[in-house]
Amino acid sequence: MFTMVGLGNPGEEYKSTRHNTGRMILEWLAKKLVFSEWKEEGKLKALVATGKIGKAKVQFVLPNNFMNNSGKSVGPLIKSKKDLEKLVVIYDDLDLSIGSMKISFNKSSGGHNGLESIIKNVKSQEFVRIRVGISPHTPSGKIKKPSGEKPVIDFLMKDFKDSELADLKKLSKKIAEALECFVSDGKGKMMSLYN
């Protein structure tokens, strides 16, 4: 079974914040890809929806732990190398502009605590991740991101503007296509087509 994880924080106050990007996108995709209703999985401390992409079984997972403990919800699902090969984690990235994404594999967490927690809990970094841009940019395309710990945290906890949410929704269609490609043709083809 393929496992798609959307990183974010549980709770209404975080619903449309930049740090919740992975979670938001996975919720939109679950609707688009006609999945089951979300079910609370108590042991995992996560919401899980299941369905199929093509003929393959897929589970969408929204950890209900806070971001820094996301791995506690994901670790129990990854029991083998095969499970690891079918894992995709979607999350926010300050180094990319809104409306852009980057697919990577077998990289470090890059300082993202949610991803670091997953790497620790699955005891590997050999899985696919889809990094979704959350930083505004100038008309020429230069990224405008905050620096310093407090400004970064404040920025991550800010809600998206309506125009930014529209850009994310548009990007989610491309992410849905990338996931369909991953399931049918593997990570190599997905990365060459969607990066």
Protein backbone atom coordinates (compact mmCIF):
# COMPACT_ATOMS: atom_id res chain seq x y z
CA MET A 1 0.00 0.00 0.00
CA PHE A 2 1.17 3.52 -0.82
CA THR A 3 1.30 5.99 2.09
CA MET A 4 0.95 9.74 1.47
CA VAL A 5 1.55 11.95 4.52
CA GLY A 6 0.62 15.64 4.81
CA LEU A 7 2.54 17.49 7.52
CA GLY A 8 0.98 20.18 9.68
CA ASN A 9 -0.43 20.82 13.13
CA PRO A 10 -3.84 19.60 14.32
CA GLY A 11 -6.44 22.11 15.50
CA GLU A 12 -8.54 24.91 14.04
CA GLU A 13 -6.06 27.68 14.94
CA TYR A 14 -3.48 26.16 12.58
CA LYS A 15 -5.84 25.21 9.75
CA SER A 16 -4.71 27.78 7.15
CA THR A 17 -1.22 28.60 8.38
CA ARG A 18 1.84 28.27 6.18
CA HIS A 19 3.25 25.47 8.35
CA ASN A 20 0.08 23.45 7.60
CA THR A 21 0.65 23.38 3.85
CA GLY A 22 1.24 19.62 3.57
CA ARG A 23 -1.87 18.87 5.59
CA MET A 24 -4.05 21.28 3.56
CA ILE A 25 -2.88 19.89 0.23
CA LEU A 26 -3.47 16.28 1.30
CA GLU A 27 -7.02 17.19 2.41
CA TRP A 28 -7.74 18.76 -0.99
CA LEU A 29 -6.26 15.75 -2.78
CA ALA A 30 -8.33 13.30 -0.73
CA LYS A 31 -11.47 15.06 -2.03
CA LYS A 32 -10.17 15.14 -5.60
CA LEU A 33 -9.06 11.51 -5.63
CA VAL A 34 -12.37 10.33 -4.08
CA PHE A 35 -11.14 8.72 -0.90
CA SER A 36 -13.06 7.33 2.07
CA GLU A 37 -14.00 9.61 4.94
CA TRP A 38 -11.19 10.54 7.33
CA LYS A 39 -11.07 8.17 10.31
CA GLU A 40 -9.32 8.81 13.59
CA GLU A 41 -6.72 6.08 14.16
CA GLY A 42 -6.19 6.22 17.91
CA LYS A 43 -3.05 4.04 18.01
CA LEU A 44 -1.38 6.14 15.31
CA LYS A 45 -2.73 9.43 16.60
CA ALA A 46 -3.60 10.33 13.01
CA LEU A 47 -6.49 10.82 10.61
CA VAL A 48 -6.41 8.23 7.83
CA ALA A 49 -8.37 8.07 4.55
CA THR A 50 -8.01 5.18 2.13
CA GLY A 51 -8.73 4.66 -1.54
CA LYS A 52 -7.13 3.77 -4.84
CA ILE A 53 -5.02 5.56 -7.40
CA GLY A 54 -5.48 3.48 -10.52
CA LYS A 55 -5.47 -0.08 -9.18
CA ALA A 56 -3.10 0.61 -6.29
CA LYS A 57 -4.30 0.92 -2.70
CA VAL A 58 -3.35 4.21 -1.07
CA GLN A 59 -3.68 5.64 2.42
CA PHE A 60 -3.58 9.36 3.13
CA VAL A 61 -2.30 10.17 6.62
CA LEU A 62 -2.64 13.42 8.60
CA PRO A 63 -0.65 13.10 11.85
CA ASN A 64 -2.56 14.48 14.83
CA ASN A 65 0.65 14.90 16.77
CA PHE A 66 2.19 18.33 16.55
CA MET A 67 4.60 18.85 13.67
CA ASN A 68 7.76 18.02 15.65
CA ASN A 69 6.33 14.58 16.55
CA SER A 70 4.90 13.66 13.14
CA GLY A 71 7.10 10.57 12.95
CA LYS A 72 5.21 8.93 15.84
CA SER A 73 2.17 8.69 13.54
CA VAL A 74 4.15 7.57 10.48
CA GLY A 75 6.70 5.15 11.98
CA PRO A 76 4.21 2.34 12.79
CA LEU A 77 2.97 2.33 9.15
CA ILE A 78 6.42 1.70 7.66
CA LYS A 79 7.34 -1.89 8.48
CA SER A 80 9.59 -2.79 5.53
CA LYS A 81 11.83 -1.42 2.79
CA LYS A 82 8.91 -1.88 0.39
CA ASP A 83 6.68 0.32 2.60
CA LEU A 84 9.46 2.93 2.65
CA GLU A 85 9.64 2.90 -1.18
CA LYS A 86 5.91 3.69 -1.28
CA LEU A 87 6.03 6.59 1.20
CA VAL A 88 5.56 10.22 0.12
CA VAL A 89 5.69 13.13 2.59
CA ILE A 90 4.28 16.54 1.58
CA TYR A 91 5.38 19.58 3.57
CA ASP A 92 6.06 23.34 3.54
CA ASP A 93 9.39 24.77 2.37
CA LEU A 94 10.55 28.32 3.13
CA ASP A 95 13.19 28.15 0.39
CA LEU A 96 10.61 27.85 -2.41
CA SER A 97 8.14 30.47 -3.57
CA ILE A 98 4.38 30.01 -3.32
CA GLY A 99 3.03 28.07 -6.26
CA SER A 100 6.21 26.03 -6.74
CA MET A 101 7.23 22.55 -5.62
CA LYS A 102 10.30 20.34 -5.62
CA ILE A 103 10.32 16.56 -5.43
CA SER A 104 13.31 15.00 -3.72
CA PHE A 105 14.44 11.60 -2.47
CA ASN A 106 16.91 10.40 0.16
CA LYS A 107 17.90 13.87 1.40
CA SER A 108 18.36 15.25 4.90
CA SER A 109 15.52 17.05 6.68
CA GLY A 110 17.01 20.45 5.76
CA GLY A 111 16.12 21.65 9.27
CA HIS A 112 12.40 20.80 8.94
CA ASN A 113 11.44 19.34 12.33
CA GLY A 114 8.43 17.37 11.06
CA LEU A 115 10.53 15.66 8.44
CA GLU A 116 13.35 15.06 10.95
CA SER A 117 10.85 13.31 13.23
CA ILE A 118 9.76 11.01 10.37
CA ILE A 119 13.38 10.20 9.40
CA LYS A 120 14.10 9.24 13.04
CA ASN A 121 10.98 7.10 13.37
CA VAL A 122 11.30 5.21 10.07
CA LYS A 123 15.10 4.99 10.61
CA SER A 124 15.83 6.08 7.04
CA GLN A 125 15.71 9.08 4.74
CA GLU A 126 15.16 6.92 1.65
CA PHE A 127 11.66 8.09 0.80
CA VAL A 128 10.07 10.63 -1.51
CA ARG A 129 9.16 14.08 -0.32
CA ILE A 130 7.26 16.85 -2.07
CA ARG A 131 8.39 20.24 -0.80
CA VAL A 132 5.79 22.95 -1.35
CA GLY A 133 6.83 26.61 -1.48
CA ILE A 134 5.33 28.97 1.09
CA SER A 135 7.42 32.15 0.66
CA PRO A 136 6.19 35.21 -1.23
CA HIS A 137 8.30 36.49 -4.10
CA THR A 138 9.00 39.71 -5.94
CA PRO A 139 7.66 40.27 -9.49
CA SER A 140 11.11 39.20 -10.77
CA GLY A 141 10.78 35.89 -8.85
CA LYS A 142 13.18 36.61 -5.95
CA ILE A 143 12.03 34.87 -2.79
CA LYS A 144 11.18 37.08 0.20
CA LYS A 145 11.63 34.91 3.27
CA PRO A 146 12.22 35.91 6.90
CA SER A 147 15.46 35.21 8.74
CA GLY A 148 16.08 34.65 12.43
CA GLU A 149 14.27 32.13 14.63
CA LYS A 150 11.40 34.32 15.89
CA PRO A 151 10.57 35.94 12.52
CA VAL A 152 10.59 32.48 10.86
CA ILE A 153 8.26 30.97 13.51
CA ASP A 154 5.91 34.00 13.29
CA PHE A 155 5.86 33.65 9.49
CA LEU A 156 5.14 29.90 9.60
CA MET A 157 2.19 30.48 11.95
CA LYS A 158 0.63 33.18 9.73
CA ASP A 159 -2.40 32.40 7.59
CA PHE A 160 -2.08 32.45 3.82
CA LYS A 161 -3.62 35.36 1.90
CA ASP A 162 -6.56 34.41 -0.38
CA SER A 163 -4.44 34.89 -3.53
CA GLU A 164 -1.74 32.61 -2.07
CA LEU A 165 -4.33 29.92 -1.24
CA ALA A 166 -5.53 30.12 -4.86
CA ASP A 167 -1.92 29.50 -6.03
CA LEU A 168 -1.66 26.52 -3.67
CA LYS A 169 -4.96 25.06 -4.92
CA LYS A 170 -3.68 25.35 -8.50
CA LEU A 171 -0.42 23.65 -7.47
CA SER A 172 -2.36 20.84 -5.76
CA LYS A 173 -3.61 19.71 -9.20
CA LYS A 174 0.02 19.28 -10.31
CA ILE A 175 0.81 17.41 -7.08
CA ALA A 176 -2.16 15.08 -7.70
CA GLU A 177 -0.77 14.31 -11.18
CA ALA A 178 2.71 13.73 -9.70
CA LEU A 179 1.30 11.27 -7.14
CA GLU A 180 -0.63 9.42 -9.85
CA CYS A 181 2.62 9.20 -11.85
CA PHE A 182 4.53 7.95 -8.78
CA VAL A 183 1.98 5.19 -8.20
CA SER A 184 1.86 4.07 -11.83
CA ASP A 185 5.44 4.69 -13.05
CA GLY A 186 7.70 5.17 -10.00
CA LYS A 187 9.74 7.99 -8.51
CA GLY A 188 12.23 8.32 -11.40
CA LYS A 189 9.56 9.21 -13.94
CA MET A 190 7.70 11.42 -11.46
CA MET A 191 10.86 13.40 -10.69
CA SER A 192 11.80 13.83 -14.34
CA LEU A 193 8.28 15.00 -15.31
CA TYR A 194 7.38 17.17 -12.32
CA ASN A 195 10.65 18.75 -11.13
